[in-house]
């Protein structure tokens, strides 16, 4: 996905979909155990199964590829 697809409206929709944090262009190095990783177009922290489902549904509708990871220790 190119960043041009992340319109202001889409960013607002994603940010309001959950009560957890939603970050854009966030370096992943702060989230992996060996401190490596480039920027994620979108990094979201849903707090429940329902919020996760909502995010996945929005991503699907917007054709945003999804990669789910935990603590980033074995990527």
PDB file of N, CA and C in Angstrom:
ATOM      1  N   UNK A   1       0.842  -1.180   0.000  1.00  0.00           N
ATOM      2  CA  UNK A   1       0.000   0.000   0.000  1.00  0.00           C
ATOM      3  C   UNK A   1       0.880   1.233   0.000  1.00  0.00           C
ATOM      4  N   UNK A   2       0.540   2.194  -0.802  1.00  0.00           N
ATOM      5  CA  UNK A   2       1.289   3.432  -0.804  1.00  0.00           C
ATOM      6  C   UNK A   2       0.643   4.405   0.168  1.00  0.00           C
ATOM      7  N   UNK A   3       1.441   5.325   0.658  1.00  0.00           N
ATOM      8  CA  UNK A   3       0.942   6.265   1.641  1.00  0.00           C
ATOM      9  C   UNK A   3      -0.149   7.167   1.081  1.00  0.00           C
ATOM     10  N   UNK A   4      -0.186   7.337  -0.238  1.00  0.00           N
ATOM     11  CA  UNK A   4      -1.217   8.177  -0.840  1.00  0.00           C
ATOM     12  C   UNK A   4      -2.616   7.600  -0.603  1.00  0.00           C
ATOM     13  N   UNK A   5      -2.695   6.285  -0.364  1.00  0.00           N
ATOM     14  CA  UNK A   5      -3.991   5.667  -0.086  1.00  0.00           C
ATOM     15  C   UNK A   5      -4.487   5.975   1.329  1.00  0.00           C
ATOM     16  N   UNK A   6      -3.573   6.433   2.186  1.00  0.00           N
ATOM     17  CA  UNK A   6      -3.964   6.746   3.555  1.00  0.00           C
ATOM     18  C   UNK A   6      -4.467   8.179   3.622  1.00  0.00           C
ATOM     19  N   UNK A   7      -5.685   8.362   3.193  1.00  0.00           N
ATOM     20  CA  UNK A   7      -6.280   9.687   3.202  1.00  0.00           C
ATOM     21  C   UNK A   7      -6.557  10.125   4.629  1.00  0.00           C
ATOM     22  N   UNK A   8      -6.764  11.398   4.801  1.00  0.00           N
ATOM     23  CA  UNK A   8      -7.083  11.929   6.123  1.00  0.00           C
ATOM     24  C   UNK A   8      -8.347  11.274   6.670  1.00  0.00           C
ATOM     25  N   UNK A   9      -9.340  11.085   5.821  1.00  0.00           N
ATOM     26  CA  UNK A   9     -10.594  10.463   6.256  1.00  0.00           C
ATOM     27  C   UNK A   9     -10.358   9.032   6.721  1.00  0.00           C
ATOM     28  N   UNK A  10      -9.539   8.275   5.982  1.00  0.00           N
ATOM     29  CA  UNK A  10      -9.247   6.900   6.366  1.00  0.00           C
ATOM     30  C   UNK A  10      -8.465   6.861   7.678  1.00  0.00           C
ATOM     31  N   UNK A  11      -7.503   7.756   7.834  1.00  0.00           N
ATOM     32  CA  UNK A  11      -6.741   7.821   9.080  1.00  0.00           C
ATOM     33  C   UNK A  11      -7.661   8.100  10.266  1.00  0.00           C
ATOM     34  N   UNK A  12      -8.578   9.033  10.090  1.00  0.00           N
ATOM     35  CA  UNK A  12      -9.525   9.359  11.166  1.00  0.00           C
ATOM     36  C   UNK A  12     -10.432   8.173  11.473  1.00  0.00           C
ATOM     37  N   UNK A  13     -10.877   7.488  10.437  1.00  0.00           N
ATOM     38  CA  UNK A  13     -11.751   6.323  10.625  1.00  0.00           C
ATOM     39  C   UNK A  13     -11.018   5.229  11.407  1.00  0.00           C
ATOM     40  N   UNK A  14      -9.764   4.959  11.047  1.00  0.00           N
ATOM     41  CA  UNK A  14      -8.975   3.948  11.758  1.00  0.00           C
ATOM     42  C   UNK A  14      -8.716   4.374  13.196  1.00  0.00           C
ATOM     43  N   UNK A  15      -8.362   5.630  13.401  1.00  0.00           N
ATOM     44  CA  UNK A  15      -8.055   6.125  14.746  1.00  0.00           C
ATOM     45  C   UNK A  15      -9.270   6.087  15.665  1.00  0.00           C
ATOM     46  N   UNK A  16     -10.466   6.249  15.106  1.00  0.00           N
ATOM     47  CA  UNK A  16     -11.676   6.232  15.925  1.00  0.00           C
ATOM     48  C   UNK A  16     -12.289   4.837  16.054  1.00  0.00           C
ATOM     49  N   UNK A  17     -11.720   3.856  15.367  1.00  0.00           N
ATOM     50  CA  UNK A  17     -12.281   2.502  15.394  1.00  0.00           C
ATOM     51  C   UNK A  17     -11.981   1.778  16.700  1.00  0.00           C
ATOM     52  N   UNK A  18     -10.927   2.221  17.406  1.00  0.00           N
ATOM     53  CA  UNK A  18     -10.539   1.521  18.628  1.00  0.00           C
ATOM     54  C   UNK A  18     -10.206   2.520  19.728  1.00  0.00           C
ATOM     55  N   UNK A  19     -10.177   2.031  20.961  1.00  0.00           N
ATOM     56  CA  UNK A  19      -9.807   2.885  22.090  1.00  0.00           C
ATOM     57  C   UNK A  19      -8.293   2.879  22.308  1.00  0.00           C
ATOM     58  N   UNK A  20      -7.605   1.907  21.716  1.00  0.00           N
ATOM     59  CA  UNK A  20      -6.149   1.851  21.825  1.00  0.00           C
ATOM     60  C   UNK A  20      -5.495   2.811  20.843  1.00  0.00           C
ATOM     61  N   UNK A  21      -4.161   2.836  20.868  1.00  0.00           N
ATOM     62  CA  UNK A  21      -3.409   3.739  19.998  1.00  0.00           C
ATOM     63  C   UNK A  21      -3.446   3.280  18.543  1.00  0.00           C
ATOM     64  N   UNK A  22      -3.459   4.246  17.638  1.00  0.00           N
ATOM     65  CA  UNK A  22      -3.264   4.011  16.204  1.00  0.00           C
ATOM     66  C   UNK A  22      -2.218   5.031  15.768  1.00  0.00           C
ATOM     67  N   UNK A  23      -1.085   4.526  15.285  1.00  0.00           N
ATOM     68  CA  UNK A  23       0.024   5.385  14.886  1.00  0.00           C
ATOM     69  C   UNK A  23       0.269   5.233  13.392  1.00  0.00           C
ATOM     70  N   UNK A  24       0.773   6.279  12.765  1.00  0.00           N
ATOM     71  CA  UNK A  24       1.031   6.272  11.333  1.00  0.00           C
ATOM     72  C   UNK A  24       2.504   6.573  11.081  1.00  0.00           C
ATOM     73  N   UNK A  25       3.090   5.848  10.110  1.00  0.00           N
ATOM     74  CA  UNK A  25       4.513   5.990   9.768  1.00  0.00           C
ATOM     75  C   UNK A  25       5.393   5.787  11.004  1.00  0.00           C
ATOM     76  N   UNK A  26       5.053   4.806  11.803  1.00  0.00           N
ATOM     77  CA  UNK A  26       5.730   4.536  13.071  1.00  0.00           C
ATOM     78  C   UNK A  26       6.891   3.556  12.866  1.00  0.00           C
ATOM     79  N   UNK A  27       8.115   3.921  13.273  1.00  0.00           N
ATOM     80  CA  UNK A  27       9.235   2.980  13.185  1.00  0.00           C
ATOM     81  C   UNK A  27       8.989   1.769  14.080  1.00  0.00           C
ATOM     82  N   UNK A  28       9.181   0.580  13.541  1.00  0.00           N
ATOM     83  CA  UNK A  28       8.945  -0.643  14.311  1.00  0.00           C
ATOM     84  C   UNK A  28      10.117  -1.002  15.220  1.00  0.00           C
ATOM     85  N   UNK A  29      11.232  -0.299  15.098  1.00  0.00           N
ATOM     86  CA  UNK A  29      12.405  -0.624  15.908  1.00  0.00           C
ATOM     87  C   UNK A  29      12.129  -0.515  17.408  1.00  0.00           C
ATOM     88  N   UNK A  30      11.208   0.309  17.803  1.00  0.00           N
ATOM     89  CA  UNK A  30      10.865   0.441  19.219  1.00  0.00           C
ATOM     90  C   UNK A  30       9.968  -0.667  19.741  1.00  0.00           C
ATOM     91  N   UNK A  31       9.564  -1.585  18.853  1.00  0.00           N
ATOM     92  CA  UNK A  31       8.616  -2.625  19.228  1.00  0.00           C
ATOM     93  C   UNK A  31       9.171  -4.026  19.038  1.00  0.00           C
ATOM     94  N   UNK A  32      10.441  -4.154  18.696  1.00  0.00           N
ATOM     95  CA  UNK A  32      11.053  -5.466  18.511  1.00  0.00           C
ATOM     96  C   UNK A  32      12.193  -5.630  19.512  1.00  0.00           C
ATOM     97  N   UNK A  33      12.480  -6.862  19.871  1.00  0.00           N
ATOM     98  CA  UNK A  33      13.477  -7.102  20.917  1.00  0.00           C
ATOM     99  C   UNK A  33      14.893  -6.739  20.502  1.00  0.00           C
ATOM    100  N   UNK A  34      15.208  -6.816  19.198  1.00  0.00           N
ATOM    101  CA  UNK A  34      16.561  -6.437  18.783  1.00  0.00           C
ATOM    102  C   UNK A  34      16.595  -5.038  18.169  1.00  0.00           C
ATOM    103  N   UNK A  35      15.535  -4.293  18.325  1.00  0.00           N
ATOM    104  CA  UNK A  35      15.438  -2.881  17.955  1.00  0.00           C
ATOM    105  C   UNK A  35      15.712  -2.599  16.484  1.00  0.00           C
ATOM    106  N   UNK A  36      15.149  -3.443  15.610  1.00  0.00           N
ATOM    107  CA  UNK A  36      15.239  -3.196  14.176  1.00  0.00           C
ATOM    108  C   UNK A  36      13.835  -3.166  13.597  1.00  0.00           C
ATOM    109  N   UNK A  37      13.697  -2.498  12.489  1.00  0.00           N
ATOM    110  CA  UNK A  37      12.414  -2.469  11.798  1.00  0.00           C
ATOM    111  C   UNK A  37      12.132  -1.112  11.221  1.00  0.00           C
ATOM    112  N   UNK A  38      11.697  -1.101   9.991  1.00  0.00           N
ATOM    113  CA  UNK A  38      11.351   0.138   9.305  1.00  0.00           C
ATOM    114  C   UNK A  38       9.988   0.641   9.727  1.00  0.00           C
ATOM    115  N   UNK A  39       9.523   1.697   9.079  1.00  0.00           N
ATOM    116  CA  UNK A  39       8.246   2.292   9.474  1.00  0.00           C
ATOM    117  C   UNK A  39       7.045   1.471   9.004  1.00  0.00           C
ATOM    118  N   UNK A  40       6.061   1.387   9.861  1.00  0.00           N
ATOM    119  CA  UNK A  40       4.772   0.777   9.510  1.00  0.00           C
ATOM    120  C   UNK A  40       3.856   1.907   9.049  1.00  0.00           C
ATOM    121  N   UNK A  41       3.176   1.699   7.934  1.00  0.00           N
ATOM    122  CA  UNK A  41       2.217   2.714   7.493  1.00  0.00           C
ATOM    123  C   UNK A  41       1.189   2.966   8.595  1.00  0.00           C
ATOM    124  N   UNK A  42       0.718   1.866   9.200  1.00  0.00           N
ATOM    125  CA  UNK A  42      -0.259   1.950  10.291  1.00  0.00           C
ATOM    126  C   UNK A  42       0.145   0.943  11.357  1.00  0.00           C
ATOM    127  N   UNK A  43       0.197   1.371  12.600  1.00  0.00           N
ATOM    128  CA  UNK A  43       0.470   0.484  13.728  1.00  0.00           C
ATOM    129  C   UNK A  43      -0.655   0.687  14.733  1.00  0.00           C
ATOM    130  N   UNK A  44      -1.418  -0.369  14.983  1.00  0.00           N
ATOM    131  CA  UNK A  44      -2.601  -0.248  15.839  1.00  0.00           C
ATOM    132  C   UNK A  44      -2.504  -1.193  17.024  1.00  0.00           C
ATOM    133  N   UNK A  45      -3.056  -0.757  18.148  1.00  0.00           N
ATOM    134  CA  UNK A  45      -3.062  -1.524  19.384  1.00  0.00           C
ATOM    135  C   UNK A  45      -4.498  -1.702  19.888  1.00  0.00           C
ATOM    136  N   UNK A  46      -5.256  -2.606  19.260  1.00  0.00           N
ATOM    137  CA  UNK A  46      -6.634  -2.825  19.721  1.00  0.00           C
ATOM    138  C   UNK A  46      -6.631  -3.430  21.121  1.00  0.00           C
ATOM    139  N   UNK A  47      -7.669  -3.151  21.880  1.00  0.00           N
ATOM    140  CA  UNK A  47      -7.749  -3.610  23.269  1.00  0.00           C
ATOM    141  C   UNK A  47      -8.722  -4.755  23.488  1.00  0.00           C
ATOM    142  N   UNK A  48      -9.373  -5.206  22.425  1.00  0.00           N
ATOM    143  CA  UNK A  48     -10.328  -6.302  22.583  1.00  0.00           C
ATOM    144  C   UNK A  48     -10.475  -7.040  21.254  1.00  0.00           C
ATOM    145  N   UNK A  49     -11.121  -8.173  21.320  1.00  0.00           N
ATOM    146  CA  UNK A  49     -11.409  -8.934  20.110  1.00  0.00           C
ATOM    147  C   UNK A  49     -12.304  -8.104  19.185  1.00  0.00           C
ATOM    148  N   UNK A  50     -13.266  -7.417  19.758  1.00  0.00           N
ATOM    149  CA  UNK A  50     -14.183  -6.610  18.952  1.00  0.00           C
ATOM    150  C   UNK A  50     -13.444  -5.502  18.215  1.00  0.00           C
ATOM    151  N   UNK A  51     -12.502  -4.832  18.901  1.00  0.00           N
ATOM    152  CA  UNK A  51     -11.727  -3.781  18.247  1.00  0.00           C
ATOM    153  C   UNK A  51     -10.844  -4.367  17.146  1.00  0.00           C
ATOM    154  N   UNK A  52     -10.283  -5.528  17.384  1.00  0.00           N
ATOM    155  CA  UNK A  52      -9.475  -6.204  16.370  1.00  0.00           C
ATOM    156  C   UNK A  52     -10.321  -6.523  15.153  1.00  0.00           C
ATOM    157  N   UNK A  53     -11.517  -7.029  15.378  1.00  0.00           N
ATOM    158  CA  UNK A  53     -12.423  -7.335  14.266  1.00  0.00           C
ATOM    159  C   UNK A  53     -12.787  -6.073  13.489  1.00  0.00           C
ATOM    160  N   UNK A  54     -13.027  -4.990  14.201  1.00  0.00           N
ATOM    161  CA  UNK A  54     -13.370  -3.728  13.554  1.00  0.00           C
ATOM    162  C   UNK A  54     -12.214  -3.234  12.675  1.00  0.00           C
ATOM    163  N   UNK A  55     -10.989  -3.297  13.207  1.00  0.00           N
ATOM    164  CA  UNK A  55      -9.821  -2.883  12.432  1.00  0.00           C
ATOM    165  C   UNK A  55      -9.617  -3.750  11.197  1.00  0.00           C
ATOM    166  N   UNK A  56      -9.740  -5.058  11.373  1.00  0.00           N
ATOM    167  CA  UNK A  56      -9.559  -5.970  10.247  1.00  0.00           C
ATOM    168  C   UNK A  56     -10.612  -5.736   9.174  1.00  0.00           C
ATOM    169  N   UNK A  57     -11.818  -5.440   9.571  1.00  0.00           N
ATOM    170  CA  UNK A  57     -12.892  -5.152   8.624  1.00  0.00           C
ATOM    171  C   UNK A  57     -12.601  -3.866   7.850  1.00  0.00           C
ATOM    172  N   UNK A  58     -12.171  -2.826   8.567  1.00  0.00           N
ATOM    173  CA  UNK A  58     -11.825  -1.571   7.899  1.00  0.00           C
ATOM    174  C   UNK A  58     -10.651  -1.759   6.945  1.00  0.00           C
ATOM    175  N   UNK A  59      -9.651  -2.510   7.365  1.00  0.00           N
ATOM    176  CA  UNK A  59      -8.493  -2.777   6.513  1.00  0.00           C
ATOM    177  C   UNK A  59      -8.914  -3.516   5.247  1.00  0.00           C
ATOM    178  N   UNK A  60      -9.795  -4.484   5.400  1.00  0.00           N
ATOM    179  CA  UNK A  60     -10.276  -5.240   4.250  1.00  0.00           C
ATOM    180  C   UNK A  60     -11.027  -4.333   3.282  1.00  0.00           C
ATOM    181  N   UNK A  61     -11.905  -3.506   3.806  1.00  0.00           N
ATOM    182  CA  UNK A  61     -12.682  -2.589   2.967  1.00  0.00           C
ATOM    183  C   UNK A  61     -11.783  -1.620   2.208  1.00  0.00           C
ATOM    184  N   UNK A  62     -10.678  -1.194   2.850  1.00  0.00           N
ATOM    185  CA  UNK A  62      -9.766  -0.218   2.241  1.00  0.00           C
ATOM    186  C   UNK A  62      -8.628  -0.883   1.473  1.00  0.00           C
ATOM    187  N   UNK A  63      -8.655  -2.217   1.407  1.00  0.00           N
ATOM    188  CA  UNK A  63      -7.609  -2.992   0.713  1.00  0.00           C
ATOM    189  C   UNK A  63      -6.225  -2.725   1.311  1.00  0.00           C
ATOM    190  N   UNK A  64      -6.163  -2.669   2.629  1.00  0.00           N
ATOM    191  CA  UNK A  64      -4.907  -2.463   3.342  1.00  0.00           C
ATOM    192  C   UNK A  64      -4.385  -3.828   3.779  1.00  0.00           C
ATOM    193  N   UNK A  65      -3.163  -4.203   3.359  1.00  0.00           N
ATOM    194  CA  UNK A  65      -2.608  -5.481   3.814  1.00  0.00           C
ATOM    195  C   UNK A  65      -2.334  -5.435   5.318  1.00  0.00           C
ATOM    196  N   UNK A  66      -2.520  -6.564   5.983  1.00  0.00           N
ATOM    197  CA  UNK A  66      -2.387  -6.645   7.435  1.00  0.00           C
ATOM    198  C   UNK A  66      -1.319  -7.664   7.797  1.00  0.00           C
ATOM    199  N   UNK A  67      -0.495  -7.316   8.782  1.00  0.00           N
ATOM    200  CA  UNK A  67       0.478  -8.237   9.360  1.00  0.00           C
ATOM    201  C   UNK A  67       0.347  -8.110  10.858  1.00  0.00           C
ATOM    202  N   UNK A  68       0.036  -9.202  11.529  1.00  0.00           N
ATOM    203  CA  UNK A  68      -0.154  -9.206  12.974  1.00  0.00           C
ATOM    204  C   UNK A  68       1.086  -9.796  13.632  1.00  0.00           C
ATOM    205  N   UNK A  69       1.636  -9.098  14.632  1.00  0.00           N
ATOM    206  CA  UNK A  69       2.739  -9.678  15.394  1.00  0.00           C
ATOM    207  C   UNK A  69       2.607  -9.324  16.860  1.00  0.00           C
ATOM    208  N   UNK A  70       3.226 -10.139  17.698  1.00  0.00           N
ATOM    209  CA  UNK A  70       3.169  -9.949  19.141  1.00  0.00           C
ATOM    210  C   UNK A  70       4.274  -9.035  19.619  1.00  0.00           C
ATOM    211  N   UNK A  71       5.234  -9.595  20.325  1.00  0.00           N
ATOM    212  CA  UNK A  71       6.306  -8.778  20.900  1.00  0.00           C
ATOM    213  C   UNK A  71       7.490  -8.601  19.962  1.00  0.00           C
ATOM    214  N   UNK A  72       7.456  -9.176  18.782  1.00  0.00           N
ATOM    215  CA  UNK A  72       8.490  -8.941  17.800  1.00  0.00           C
ATOM    216  C   UNK A  72       9.811  -9.622  18.103  1.00  0.00           C
ATOM    217  N   UNK A  73       9.796 -10.696  18.879  1.00  0.00           N
ATOM    218  CA  UNK A  73      11.049 -11.345  19.244  1.00  0.00           C
ATOM    219  C   UNK A  73      11.481 -12.425  18.263  1.00  0.00           C
ATOM    220  N   UNK A  74      10.596 -12.878  17.420  1.00  0.00           N
ATOM    221  CA  UNK A  74      10.982 -13.962  16.507  1.00  0.00           C
ATOM    222  C   UNK A  74      10.581 -13.665  15.061  1.00  0.00           C
ATOM    223  N   UNK A  75      10.660 -12.418  14.688  1.00  0.00           N
ATOM    224  CA  UNK A  75      10.262 -12.047  13.317  1.00  0.00           C
ATOM    225  C   UNK A  75      11.368 -12.360  12.326  1.00  0.00           C
TER     226      UNK A  75
END
